[in-house]
Amino acid sequence: MVSAATWIRYAVGKLQYSASIGWKNYKGGQITDRELGDTIWKNFFQGKLTCLHYNKGEEMAPTLGDQSCTLLVRKIPWVDPKKVFVGDVVLLKDPINSEDYLVRRLAAIEGYEMVSTDEKDEPFVLEKDQCWVLADNENVKPKQEAKDSRTFGPVSLKDIVGRAIYCLRTAVDHGPVNNSPFSMDLDSPVLEVELDVDEMAKSHKA
C-alpha cells in the first residue's frame, strides 16, 4: 500500500511534469496561452509519468542484461542538469538515426573536461546543454560496437527523453535500474505508484 507521504511526493512530481509539458507545447506554438492551463491539468489528472521501452542488444550488459529487456522509463519533457545526473541510465534519440532510440549511461554533462586515453586526442570541455553517454558493457569495442559518445561525440541534453527506472529481462528477472542516488530517490514514488510488473511482462518481447 502506497503511503500518504509517497502520494504527496508523486503528486508534486506529476504537477512539475505537467507544467513542463504545457510550457514546452506553449513555447513550441502547439497551444495558446488560453489552452496552457487546461493542458497542465489534463496531463496531471490523466497522464502518466512513465512509458515502456523495449531495448535490444548487449551494449548495456550486465546492467540491462545481454539480450533484451523491457524498461519502465520516467519521461522528462524538459531536460536540464537539474533533472538528469551523471550515473543515470537514459533513453535518448539516436544521433545517427533520429528514428531510433538508444539506452546509455550519462557519463558527463556540461562543464566537464573530457580527456581521452588516446594521447592523439586533445582534451575538451563539454559546452552548455551537451552531455557524454557511454555503454556499460566493457567487452564491446568502444568505437565499433558500443555506439556511444566515443563514436558520435557529445550529444544534446535535448535528445534525452527519459530515465530508465525499472528493467524487466524476464518475468522472474527484474528490478530497479541502478541510477545516481539522487535520481533513485526522486524516482522512488513514481516506482511505487506506476510500476506494474505484470503489465511489463505482457508487453515484453521474449
N, C-alpha and C. Protein backbone atom coordinates (compact mmCIF):
# COMPACT_ATOMS: atom_id res chain seq x y z
N MET A 1 0.84 -1.20 0.00
CA MET A 1 0.00 0.00 0.00
C MET A 1 0.88 1.25 0.00
N VAL A 2 0.56 2.20 -0.88
CA VAL A 2 1.35 3.41 -1.00
C VAL A 2 1.00 4.37 0.13
N SER A 3 2.02 4.89 0.81
CA SER A 3 1.81 5.79 1.93
C SER A 3 1.37 7.18 1.47
N ALA A 4 0.80 7.95 2.39
CA ALA A 4 0.36 9.31 2.08
C ALA A 4 1.53 10.18 1.67
N ALA A 5 2.68 10.01 2.35
CA ALA A 5 3.86 10.80 2.03
C ALA A 5 4.34 10.53 0.60
N THR A 6 4.27 9.27 0.21
CA THR A 6 4.67 8.90 -1.16
C THR A 6 3.71 9.51 -2.18
N TRP A 7 2.41 9.46 -1.89
CA TRP A 7 1.43 10.05 -2.79
C TRP A 7 1.66 11.55 -2.96
N ILE A 8 2.03 12.22 -1.88
CA ILE A 8 2.29 13.66 -1.95
C ILE A 8 3.51 13.94 -2.83
N ARG A 9 4.58 13.17 -2.63
CA ARG A 9 5.78 13.33 -3.47
C ARG A 9 5.47 13.03 -4.93
N TYR A 10 4.67 12.02 -5.16
CA TYR A 10 4.29 11.66 -6.53
C TYR A 10 3.48 12.78 -7.16
N ALA A 11 2.53 13.33 -6.42
CA ALA A 11 1.67 14.40 -6.94
C ALA A 11 2.49 15.64 -7.28
N VAL A 12 3.46 15.97 -6.43
CA VAL A 12 4.33 17.12 -6.70
C VAL A 12 5.12 16.90 -7.98
N GLY A 13 5.69 15.71 -8.13
CA GLY A 13 6.43 15.39 -9.35
C GLY A 13 5.55 15.42 -10.58
N LYS A 14 4.32 14.95 -10.43
CA LYS A 14 3.40 14.92 -11.57
C LYS A 14 2.98 16.34 -11.96
N LEU A 15 2.81 17.21 -10.98
CA LEU A 15 2.47 18.59 -11.28
C LEU A 15 3.61 19.29 -12.01
N GLN A 16 4.85 19.02 -11.56
CA GLN A 16 6.02 19.60 -12.24
C GLN A 16 6.12 19.09 -13.67
N TYR A 17 5.88 17.79 -13.85
CA TYR A 17 5.90 17.20 -15.19
C TYR A 17 4.82 17.83 -16.07
N SER A 18 3.61 17.96 -15.55
CA SER A 18 2.51 18.51 -16.33
C SER A 18 2.78 19.96 -16.72
N ALA A 19 3.37 20.72 -15.80
CA ALA A 19 3.72 22.11 -16.11
C ALA A 19 4.79 22.16 -17.20
N SER A 20 5.76 21.25 -17.13
CA SER A 20 6.82 21.21 -18.16
C SER A 20 6.26 20.88 -19.54
N ILE A 21 5.33 19.91 -19.58
CA ILE A 21 4.68 19.53 -20.84
C ILE A 21 3.92 20.73 -21.41
N GLY A 22 3.13 21.38 -20.56
CA GLY A 22 2.35 22.52 -21.01
C GLY A 22 3.22 23.65 -21.52
N TRP A 23 4.28 23.95 -20.77
CA TRP A 23 5.17 25.04 -21.16
C TRP A 23 5.90 24.72 -22.46
N LYS A 24 6.33 23.46 -22.59
CA LYS A 24 7.03 23.04 -23.81
C LYS A 24 6.12 23.18 -25.02
N ASN A 25 4.86 22.75 -24.89
CA ASN A 25 3.91 22.87 -26.01
C ASN A 25 3.58 24.32 -26.31
N TYR A 26 3.50 25.13 -25.26
CA TYR A 26 3.22 26.56 -25.44
C TYR A 26 4.38 27.25 -26.16
N LYS A 27 5.61 26.98 -25.71
CA LYS A 27 6.79 27.59 -26.35
C LYS A 27 6.95 27.10 -27.78
N GLY A 28 6.51 25.86 -28.04
CA GLY A 28 6.62 25.31 -29.39
C GLY A 28 5.50 25.75 -30.31
N GLY A 29 4.54 26.49 -29.78
CA GLY A 29 3.46 27.00 -30.60
C GLY A 29 2.31 26.03 -30.84
N GLN A 30 2.32 24.88 -30.12
CA GLN A 30 1.25 23.89 -30.31
C GLN A 30 -0.04 24.30 -29.60
N ILE A 31 0.08 25.10 -28.54
CA ILE A 31 -1.11 25.54 -27.81
C ILE A 31 -1.01 27.05 -27.54
N THR A 32 -2.16 27.66 -27.28
CA THR A 32 -2.20 29.09 -26.97
C THR A 32 -2.12 29.28 -25.46
N ASP A 33 -1.98 30.54 -25.04
CA ASP A 33 -1.92 30.80 -23.60
C ASP A 33 -3.23 30.43 -22.91
N ARG A 34 -4.34 30.51 -23.65
CA ARG A 34 -5.63 30.12 -23.06
C ARG A 34 -5.71 28.62 -22.83
N GLU A 35 -5.00 27.84 -23.66
CA GLU A 35 -5.04 26.38 -23.55
C GLU A 35 -4.00 25.84 -22.57
N LEU A 36 -3.09 26.68 -22.12
CA LEU A 36 -1.99 26.23 -21.28
C LEU A 36 -2.48 25.59 -19.99
N GLY A 37 -3.37 26.28 -19.29
CA GLY A 37 -3.88 25.75 -18.02
C GLY A 37 -4.60 24.43 -18.20
N ASP A 38 -5.44 24.34 -19.24
CA ASP A 38 -6.18 23.10 -19.49
C ASP A 38 -5.22 21.94 -19.78
N THR A 39 -4.17 22.24 -20.53
CA THR A 39 -3.18 21.20 -20.87
C THR A 39 -2.48 20.69 -19.61
N ILE A 40 -2.12 21.61 -18.73
CA ILE A 40 -1.43 21.22 -17.49
C ILE A 40 -2.32 20.31 -16.64
N TRP A 41 -3.58 20.70 -16.44
CA TRP A 41 -4.46 19.92 -15.59
C TRP A 41 -4.87 18.60 -16.23
N LYS A 42 -4.99 18.59 -17.56
CA LYS A 42 -5.31 17.34 -18.25
C LYS A 42 -4.19 16.32 -18.06
N ASN A 43 -2.94 16.77 -18.21
CA ASN A 43 -1.81 15.87 -18.01
C ASN A 43 -1.70 15.43 -16.56
N PHE A 44 -2.03 16.33 -15.64
CA PHE A 44 -1.93 15.99 -14.21
C PHE A 44 -2.92 14.88 -13.84
N PHE A 45 -4.15 14.99 -14.32
CA PHE A 45 -5.19 14.04 -13.92
C PHE A 45 -5.25 12.79 -14.80
N GLN A 46 -4.82 12.90 -16.06
CA GLN A 46 -4.97 11.77 -16.98
C GLN A 46 -3.65 11.17 -17.46
N GLY A 47 -2.57 11.92 -17.37
CA GLY A 47 -1.30 11.45 -17.90
C GLY A 47 -0.53 10.56 -16.92
N LYS A 48 0.54 9.96 -17.42
CA LYS A 48 1.42 9.13 -16.60
C LYS A 48 2.83 9.68 -16.72
N LEU A 49 3.62 9.45 -15.69
CA LEU A 49 5.00 9.91 -15.70
C LEU A 49 5.94 8.94 -16.40
N THR A 50 5.42 7.76 -16.75
CA THR A 50 6.28 6.73 -17.31
C THR A 50 5.74 6.18 -18.63
N CYS A 51 6.63 5.50 -19.35
CA CYS A 51 6.25 4.75 -20.55
C CYS A 51 7.14 3.51 -20.61
N LEU A 52 6.77 2.56 -21.45
CA LEU A 52 7.57 1.35 -21.62
C LEU A 52 8.43 1.47 -22.87
N HIS A 53 9.65 0.94 -22.79
CA HIS A 53 10.55 0.93 -23.95
C HIS A 53 11.22 -0.43 -24.03
N TYR A 54 11.15 -1.04 -25.21
CA TYR A 54 11.81 -2.33 -25.43
C TYR A 54 13.24 -2.08 -25.91
N ASN A 55 14.21 -2.63 -25.22
CA ASN A 55 15.61 -2.42 -25.55
C ASN A 55 16.26 -3.75 -25.95
N LYS A 56 16.99 -3.73 -27.04
CA LYS A 56 17.64 -4.94 -27.53
C LYS A 56 19.12 -4.67 -27.76
N GLY A 57 19.96 -5.65 -27.42
CA GLY A 57 21.39 -5.51 -27.63
C GLY A 57 22.17 -5.75 -26.35
N GLU A 58 23.47 -5.88 -26.51
CA GLU A 58 24.33 -6.21 -25.37
C GLU A 58 25.14 -5.02 -24.87
N GLU A 59 24.92 -3.83 -25.46
CA GLU A 59 25.74 -2.68 -25.11
C GLU A 59 25.63 -2.28 -23.64
N MET A 60 24.47 -2.54 -23.02
CA MET A 60 24.29 -2.13 -21.63
C MET A 60 24.37 -3.30 -20.65
N ALA A 61 24.93 -4.44 -21.10
CA ALA A 61 25.16 -5.56 -20.18
C ALA A 61 26.28 -5.18 -19.21
N PRO A 62 26.25 -5.64 -17.97
CA PRO A 62 25.23 -6.51 -17.37
C PRO A 62 24.03 -5.75 -16.78
N THR A 63 24.07 -4.42 -16.82
CA THR A 63 23.01 -3.63 -16.18
C THR A 63 21.62 -4.01 -16.66
N LEU A 64 21.46 -4.12 -18.00
CA LEU A 64 20.16 -4.42 -18.58
C LEU A 64 20.10 -5.81 -19.21
N GLY A 65 21.04 -6.66 -18.87
CA GLY A 65 21.08 -7.98 -19.48
C GLY A 65 21.83 -7.94 -20.79
N ASP A 66 22.10 -9.11 -21.36
CA ASP A 66 22.91 -9.16 -22.58
C ASP A 66 22.10 -9.48 -23.83
N GLN A 67 20.78 -9.51 -23.73
CA GLN A 67 19.95 -9.80 -24.90
C GLN A 67 18.90 -8.70 -25.11
N SER A 68 17.83 -8.76 -24.34
CA SER A 68 16.77 -7.77 -24.50
C SER A 68 16.07 -7.56 -23.16
N CYS A 69 15.36 -6.46 -23.06
CA CYS A 69 14.63 -6.17 -21.83
C CYS A 69 13.54 -5.14 -22.12
N THR A 70 12.58 -5.06 -21.23
CA THR A 70 11.57 -4.02 -21.29
C THR A 70 11.83 -3.06 -20.13
N LEU A 71 11.91 -1.78 -20.46
CA LEU A 71 12.23 -0.76 -19.46
C LEU A 71 11.02 0.10 -19.12
N LEU A 72 10.92 0.44 -17.86
CA LEU A 72 9.98 1.47 -17.43
C LEU A 72 10.78 2.76 -17.41
N VAL A 73 10.36 3.72 -18.22
CA VAL A 73 11.12 4.96 -18.39
C VAL A 73 10.34 6.13 -17.81
N ARG A 74 10.99 6.89 -16.95
CA ARG A 74 10.38 8.12 -16.46
C ARG A 74 10.58 9.20 -17.51
N LYS A 75 9.49 9.74 -18.02
CA LYS A 75 9.57 10.74 -19.09
C LYS A 75 10.03 12.08 -18.52
N ILE A 76 10.93 12.73 -19.26
CA ILE A 76 11.44 14.05 -18.85
C ILE A 76 11.28 14.99 -20.05
N PRO A 77 10.22 15.79 -20.08
CA PRO A 77 9.94 16.62 -21.25
C PRO A 77 10.89 17.79 -21.43
N TRP A 78 11.47 18.27 -20.34
CA TRP A 78 12.34 19.45 -20.43
C TRP A 78 13.62 19.13 -19.68
N VAL A 79 14.64 18.66 -20.41
CA VAL A 79 15.85 18.14 -19.77
C VAL A 79 16.87 19.25 -19.53
N ASP A 80 17.38 19.30 -18.31
CA ASP A 80 18.48 20.20 -17.98
C ASP A 80 19.30 19.53 -16.88
N PRO A 81 20.45 20.11 -16.50
CA PRO A 81 21.32 19.47 -15.50
C PRO A 81 20.69 19.31 -14.12
N LYS A 82 19.50 19.86 -13.91
CA LYS A 82 18.82 19.69 -12.62
C LYS A 82 17.83 18.52 -12.65
N LYS A 83 17.68 17.90 -13.83
CA LYS A 83 16.71 16.81 -13.97
C LYS A 83 17.35 15.46 -14.28
N VAL A 84 18.55 15.48 -14.86
CA VAL A 84 19.31 14.25 -15.09
C VAL A 84 20.71 14.44 -14.50
N PHE A 85 21.31 13.32 -14.07
CA PHE A 85 22.56 13.42 -13.33
C PHE A 85 23.54 12.35 -13.80
N VAL A 86 24.82 12.65 -13.64
CA VAL A 86 25.86 11.69 -14.01
C VAL A 86 25.60 10.39 -13.26
N GLY A 87 25.62 9.29 -14.00
CA GLY A 87 25.32 7.97 -13.43
C GLY A 87 23.95 7.45 -13.82
N ASP A 88 23.10 8.32 -14.38
CA ASP A 88 21.76 7.89 -14.80
C ASP A 88 21.81 7.09 -16.09
N VAL A 89 20.93 6.11 -16.20
CA VAL A 89 20.73 5.38 -17.46
C VAL A 89 19.57 6.08 -18.18
N VAL A 90 19.88 6.64 -19.34
CA VAL A 90 18.90 7.49 -20.03
C VAL A 90 18.50 6.91 -21.38
N LEU A 91 17.29 7.25 -21.79
CA LEU A 91 16.78 6.93 -23.13
C LEU A 91 16.92 8.19 -23.95
N LEU A 92 17.61 8.09 -25.09
CA LEU A 92 17.84 9.26 -25.92
C LEU A 92 17.66 8.94 -27.39
N LYS A 93 17.42 9.97 -28.16
CA LYS A 93 17.32 9.81 -29.60
C LYS A 93 18.69 9.45 -30.15
N ASP A 94 18.72 8.51 -31.07
CA ASP A 94 19.97 8.08 -31.70
C ASP A 94 20.51 9.23 -32.55
N PRO A 95 21.71 9.77 -32.23
CA PRO A 95 22.26 10.88 -33.01
C PRO A 95 22.53 10.52 -34.47
N ILE A 96 22.69 9.22 -34.74
CA ILE A 96 23.00 8.79 -36.11
C ILE A 96 21.72 8.52 -36.89
N ASN A 97 20.71 7.99 -36.23
CA ASN A 97 19.41 7.70 -36.86
C ASN A 97 18.30 8.24 -35.97
N SER A 98 17.75 9.39 -36.33
CA SER A 98 16.79 10.09 -35.47
C SER A 98 15.49 9.32 -35.25
N GLU A 99 15.26 8.26 -36.04
CA GLU A 99 14.04 7.46 -35.86
C GLU A 99 14.22 6.38 -34.79
N ASP A 100 15.45 6.18 -34.35
CA ASP A 100 15.73 5.16 -33.34
C ASP A 100 16.08 5.79 -32.00
N TYR A 101 16.11 4.95 -30.97
CA TYR A 101 16.46 5.40 -29.63
C TYR A 101 17.57 4.51 -29.07
N LEU A 102 18.38 5.08 -28.21
CA LEU A 102 19.45 4.35 -27.54
C LEU A 102 19.25 4.45 -26.04
N VAL A 103 19.74 3.44 -25.32
CA VAL A 103 19.78 3.49 -23.87
C VAL A 103 21.25 3.45 -23.47
N ARG A 104 21.70 4.51 -22.82
CA ARG A 104 23.10 4.62 -22.43
C ARG A 104 23.22 5.29 -21.07
N ARG A 105 24.40 5.18 -20.47
CA ARG A 105 24.61 5.81 -19.16
C ARG A 105 25.21 7.20 -19.34
N LEU A 106 24.67 8.15 -18.60
CA LEU A 106 25.16 9.52 -18.64
C LEU A 106 26.48 9.59 -17.87
N ALA A 107 27.57 9.87 -18.61
CA ALA A 107 28.90 9.85 -18.01
C ALA A 107 29.42 11.23 -17.66
N ALA A 108 28.92 12.27 -18.34
CA ALA A 108 29.38 13.64 -18.07
C ALA A 108 28.36 14.62 -18.65
N ILE A 109 28.31 15.81 -18.06
CA ILE A 109 27.41 16.86 -18.56
C ILE A 109 28.21 18.14 -18.76
N GLU A 110 27.52 19.19 -19.18
CA GLU A 110 28.15 20.47 -19.50
C GLU A 110 29.13 20.90 -18.40
N GLY A 111 30.29 21.41 -18.85
CA GLY A 111 31.31 21.87 -17.91
C GLY A 111 32.37 20.85 -17.58
N TYR A 112 32.12 19.57 -17.88
CA TYR A 112 33.11 18.52 -17.62
C TYR A 112 34.23 18.58 -18.65
N GLU A 113 35.46 18.39 -18.18
CA GLU A 113 36.60 18.29 -19.11
C GLU A 113 36.76 16.83 -19.52
N MET A 114 36.77 16.58 -20.82
CA MET A 114 36.90 15.23 -21.33
C MET A 114 38.34 14.99 -21.78
N VAL A 115 38.97 13.97 -21.19
CA VAL A 115 40.35 13.63 -21.52
C VAL A 115 40.38 12.20 -22.03
N SER A 116 40.87 12.01 -23.25
CA SER A 116 40.91 10.70 -23.88
C SER A 116 42.11 9.89 -23.41
N THR A 117 41.97 8.56 -23.44
CA THR A 117 43.10 7.69 -23.15
C THR A 117 44.07 7.65 -24.33
N ASP A 118 43.58 8.13 -25.48
CA ASP A 118 44.43 8.24 -26.66
C ASP A 118 45.12 9.59 -26.65
N GLU A 119 46.45 9.60 -26.55
CA GLU A 119 47.21 10.85 -26.44
C GLU A 119 47.06 11.74 -27.68
N LYS A 120 46.60 11.15 -28.79
CA LYS A 120 46.43 11.94 -30.01
C LYS A 120 45.21 12.86 -29.91
N ASP A 121 44.27 12.53 -29.04
CA ASP A 121 43.06 13.33 -28.89
C ASP A 121 43.26 14.45 -27.89
N GLU A 122 42.89 15.66 -28.30
CA GLU A 122 43.02 16.82 -27.44
C GLU A 122 41.89 16.85 -26.41
N PRO A 123 42.20 17.22 -25.15
CA PRO A 123 41.13 17.38 -24.15
C PRO A 123 40.18 18.51 -24.58
N PHE A 124 38.93 18.41 -24.14
CA PHE A 124 37.96 19.46 -24.44
C PHE A 124 36.93 19.50 -23.32
N VAL A 125 36.20 20.60 -23.26
CA VAL A 125 35.18 20.79 -22.22
C VAL A 125 33.81 20.73 -22.87
N LEU A 126 32.89 19.98 -22.26
CA LEU A 126 31.53 19.89 -22.79
C LEU A 126 30.85 21.25 -22.67
N GLU A 127 30.25 21.70 -23.76
CA GLU A 127 29.61 23.00 -23.79
C GLU A 127 28.22 22.94 -23.16
N LYS A 128 27.58 24.09 -23.05
CA LYS A 128 26.25 24.19 -22.44
C LYS A 128 25.27 23.26 -23.16
N ASP A 129 24.49 22.52 -22.38
CA ASP A 129 23.47 21.60 -22.86
C ASP A 129 24.05 20.36 -23.56
N GLN A 130 25.36 20.15 -23.44
CA GLN A 130 25.96 18.93 -24.01
C GLN A 130 26.15 17.88 -22.92
N CYS A 131 26.16 16.61 -23.34
CA CYS A 131 26.46 15.53 -22.41
C CYS A 131 27.22 14.43 -23.13
N TRP A 132 27.76 13.52 -22.37
CA TRP A 132 28.56 12.40 -22.89
C TRP A 132 27.93 11.11 -22.37
N VAL A 133 27.59 10.21 -23.28
CA VAL A 133 26.93 8.96 -22.87
C VAL A 133 27.78 7.77 -23.27
N LEU A 134 27.76 6.73 -22.42
CA LEU A 134 28.58 5.54 -22.65
C LEU A 134 27.78 4.27 -22.45
N ALA A 135 28.18 3.23 -23.17
CA ALA A 135 27.64 1.89 -22.95
C ALA A 135 28.28 1.31 -21.70
N ASP A 136 27.54 0.46 -20.96
CA ASP A 136 28.08 -0.15 -19.74
C ASP A 136 28.99 -1.33 -20.03
N ASN A 137 28.74 -2.02 -21.15
CA ASN A 137 29.45 -3.26 -21.44
C ASN A 137 30.91 -2.99 -21.81
N GLU A 138 31.81 -3.41 -20.95
CA GLU A 138 33.24 -3.17 -21.19
C GLU A 138 33.83 -4.14 -22.20
N ASN A 139 33.05 -5.14 -22.61
CA ASN A 139 33.57 -6.15 -23.54
C ASN A 139 33.34 -5.79 -25.01
N VAL A 140 32.53 -4.75 -25.26
CA VAL A 140 32.33 -4.35 -26.65
C VAL A 140 33.42 -3.37 -27.06
N LYS A 141 33.75 -3.37 -28.34
CA LYS A 141 34.78 -2.48 -28.85
C LYS A 141 34.25 -1.04 -28.83
N PRO A 142 34.98 -0.12 -28.18
CA PRO A 142 34.48 1.24 -27.96
C PRO A 142 33.95 1.95 -29.18
N LYS A 143 34.72 2.00 -30.27
CA LYS A 143 34.31 2.80 -31.43
C LYS A 143 33.61 2.00 -32.51
N GLN A 144 33.63 0.66 -32.40
CA GLN A 144 32.99 -0.16 -33.42
C GLN A 144 31.63 -0.70 -32.98
N GLU A 145 31.51 -1.08 -31.71
CA GLU A 145 30.32 -1.78 -31.25
C GLU A 145 29.51 -1.05 -30.18
N ALA A 146 30.15 -0.18 -29.42
CA ALA A 146 29.47 0.45 -28.28
C ALA A 146 28.38 1.44 -28.71
N LYS A 147 28.59 2.09 -29.83
CA LYS A 147 27.65 3.08 -30.35
C LYS A 147 27.27 4.08 -29.24
N ASP A 148 28.28 4.80 -28.79
CA ASP A 148 28.06 5.81 -27.77
C ASP A 148 28.87 7.05 -28.12
N SER A 149 29.14 7.92 -27.17
CA SER A 149 29.81 9.18 -27.46
C SER A 149 31.24 9.00 -27.96
N ARG A 150 31.82 7.82 -27.74
CA ARG A 150 33.14 7.54 -28.30
C ARG A 150 33.05 7.38 -29.81
N THR A 151 31.83 7.13 -30.31
CA THR A 151 31.60 7.01 -31.75
C THR A 151 31.09 8.33 -32.33
N PHE A 152 30.05 8.90 -31.71
CA PHE A 152 29.41 10.08 -32.30
C PHE A 152 29.65 11.39 -31.54
N GLY A 153 30.46 11.35 -30.48
CA GLY A 153 30.80 12.57 -29.76
C GLY A 153 29.72 13.02 -28.79
N PRO A 154 29.80 14.27 -28.33
CA PRO A 154 28.80 14.79 -27.38
C PRO A 154 27.41 14.81 -28.00
N VAL A 155 26.40 14.69 -27.17
CA VAL A 155 25.02 14.81 -27.63
C VAL A 155 24.33 15.90 -26.83
N SER A 156 23.25 16.40 -27.37
CA SER A 156 22.49 17.46 -26.70
C SER A 156 21.62 16.86 -25.60
N LEU A 157 21.53 17.57 -24.48
CA LEU A 157 20.63 17.14 -23.42
C LEU A 157 19.20 17.05 -23.93
N LYS A 158 18.88 17.86 -24.94
CA LYS A 158 17.53 17.86 -25.50
C LYS A 158 17.18 16.55 -26.19
N ASP A 159 18.21 15.74 -26.51
CA ASP A 159 17.96 14.45 -27.15
C ASP A 159 17.53 13.38 -26.13
N ILE A 160 17.68 13.68 -24.85
CA ILE A 160 17.25 12.74 -23.81
C ILE A 160 15.75 12.86 -23.62
N VAL A 161 15.06 11.72 -23.66
CA VAL A 161 13.59 11.74 -23.50
C VAL A 161 13.16 11.17 -22.15
N GLY A 162 14.05 10.51 -21.43
CA GLY A 162 13.66 9.98 -20.14
C GLY A 162 14.78 9.19 -19.47
N ARG A 163 14.48 8.72 -18.27
CA ARG A 163 15.44 7.94 -17.49
C ARG A 163 14.86 6.56 -17.21
N ALA A 164 15.63 5.52 -17.49
CA ALA A 164 15.19 4.15 -17.22
C ALA A 164 15.21 3.90 -15.72
N ILE A 165 14.06 3.50 -15.15
CA ILE A 165 14.00 3.33 -13.70
C ILE A 165 13.71 1.89 -13.27
N TYR A 166 13.25 1.05 -14.19
CA TYR A 166 13.00 -0.36 -13.85
C TYR A 166 13.23 -1.20 -15.09
N CYS A 167 13.84 -2.37 -14.89
CA CYS A 167 14.19 -3.24 -16.02
C CYS A 167 13.61 -4.64 -15.81
N LEU A 168 12.89 -5.12 -16.83
CA LEU A 168 12.38 -6.49 -16.83
C LEU A 168 13.07 -7.26 -17.94
N ARG A 169 13.92 -8.23 -17.52
CA ARG A 169 14.61 -9.07 -18.50
C ARG A 169 13.77 -10.30 -18.83
N THR A 170 13.18 -10.90 -17.79
CA THR A 170 12.21 -12.00 -17.95
C THR A 170 11.15 -11.79 -16.87
N ALA A 171 10.12 -12.62 -16.90
CA ALA A 171 9.04 -12.49 -15.91
C ALA A 171 9.52 -12.71 -14.48
N VAL A 172 10.66 -13.39 -14.33
CA VAL A 172 11.18 -13.65 -12.98
C VAL A 172 12.49 -12.91 -12.70
N ASP A 173 13.01 -12.22 -13.68
CA ASP A 173 14.27 -11.49 -13.53
C ASP A 173 14.01 -10.02 -13.83
N HIS A 174 13.79 -9.24 -12.80
CA HIS A 174 13.50 -7.83 -12.99
C HIS A 174 13.84 -7.05 -11.71
N GLY A 175 14.02 -5.74 -11.85
CA GLY A 175 14.35 -4.93 -10.68
C GLY A 175 14.67 -3.50 -11.08
N PRO A 176 14.85 -2.62 -10.08
CA PRO A 176 15.16 -1.21 -10.37
C PRO A 176 16.48 -1.06 -11.11
N VAL A 177 16.58 -0.05 -11.94
CA VAL A 177 17.82 0.26 -12.65
C VAL A 177 18.73 1.06 -11.72
N ASN A 178 20.00 0.76 -11.74
CA ASN A 178 20.96 1.45 -10.88
C ASN A 178 21.32 2.81 -11.48
N ASN A 179 20.67 3.86 -10.99
CA ASN A 179 20.95 5.23 -11.42
C ASN A 179 21.72 5.96 -10.34
N SER A 180 21.92 7.26 -10.53
CA SER A 180 22.56 8.06 -9.49
C SER A 180 21.69 8.03 -8.23
N PRO A 181 22.28 8.10 -7.05
CA PRO A 181 21.50 8.06 -5.80
C PRO A 181 20.41 9.14 -5.76
N PHE A 182 20.72 10.34 -6.26
CA PHE A 182 19.75 11.42 -6.23
C PHE A 182 18.54 11.08 -7.10
N SER A 183 18.78 10.54 -8.28
CA SER A 183 17.69 10.17 -9.18
C SER A 183 16.85 9.03 -8.62
N MET A 184 17.51 8.05 -8.00
CA MET A 184 16.78 6.92 -7.45
C MET A 184 15.83 7.37 -6.33
N ASP A 185 16.26 8.38 -5.57
CA ASP A 185 15.39 8.94 -4.54
C ASP A 185 14.22 9.69 -5.18
N LEU A 186 14.51 10.48 -6.22
CA LEU A 186 13.45 11.22 -6.92
C LEU A 186 12.42 10.28 -7.54
N ASP A 187 12.90 9.15 -8.06
CA ASP A 187 12.03 8.24 -8.81
C ASP A 187 11.30 7.23 -7.93
N SER A 188 11.67 7.13 -6.66
CA SER A 188 11.07 6.10 -5.80
C SER A 188 9.54 6.22 -5.70
N PRO A 189 8.95 7.42 -5.55
CA PRO A 189 7.49 7.48 -5.51
C PRO A 189 6.84 7.12 -6.84
N VAL A 190 7.52 7.42 -7.94
CA VAL A 190 6.99 7.06 -9.26
C VAL A 190 6.94 5.55 -9.40
N LEU A 191 7.99 4.87 -8.95
CA LEU A 191 8.01 3.41 -8.99
C LEU A 191 6.89 2.81 -8.14
N GLU A 192 6.70 3.35 -6.97
CA GLU A 192 5.67 2.80 -6.08
C GLU A 192 4.27 2.94 -6.65
N VAL A 193 4.02 4.05 -7.35
CA VAL A 193 2.67 4.31 -7.85
C VAL A 193 2.43 3.70 -9.23
N GLU A 194 3.43 3.79 -10.14
CA GLU A 194 3.16 3.44 -11.54
C GLU A 194 3.74 2.09 -11.98
N LEU A 195 4.60 1.48 -11.19
CA LEU A 195 5.18 0.19 -11.60
C LEU A 195 4.13 -0.90 -11.62
N ASP A 196 4.02 -1.60 -12.76
CA ASP A 196 3.12 -2.75 -12.91
C ASP A 196 3.91 -3.84 -13.63
N VAL A 197 4.52 -4.72 -12.85
CA VAL A 197 5.38 -5.76 -13.42
C VAL A 197 4.60 -6.68 -14.35
N ASP A 198 3.37 -7.01 -13.99
CA ASP A 198 2.56 -7.88 -14.85
C ASP A 198 2.33 -7.24 -16.22
N GLU A 199 2.06 -5.95 -16.23
CA GLU A 199 1.87 -5.24 -17.50
C GLU A 199 3.15 -5.21 -18.30
N MET A 200 4.28 -5.02 -17.63
CA MET A 200 5.57 -5.05 -18.31
C MET A 200 5.83 -6.42 -18.92
N ALA A 201 5.49 -7.47 -18.19
CA ALA A 201 5.72 -8.84 -18.67
C ALA A 201 4.86 -9.13 -19.90
N LYS A 202 3.64 -8.60 -19.91
CA LYS A 202 2.76 -8.79 -21.07
C LYS A 202 3.32 -8.10 -22.31
N SER A 203 3.96 -6.96 -22.10
CA SER A 203 4.48 -6.18 -23.22
C SER A 203 5.86 -6.66 -23.68
N HIS A 204 6.53 -7.45 -22.84
CA HIS A 204 7.89 -7.88 -23.13
C HIS A 204 7.94 -8.81 -24.33
N LYS A 205 8.90 -8.57 -25.21
CA LYS A 205 9.11 -9.43 -26.38
C LYS A 205 10.19 -10.44 -26.03
N ALA A 206 9.79 -11.65 -25.75
CA ALA A 206 10.73 -12.68 -25.33
C ALA A 206 11.69 -13.04 -26.45
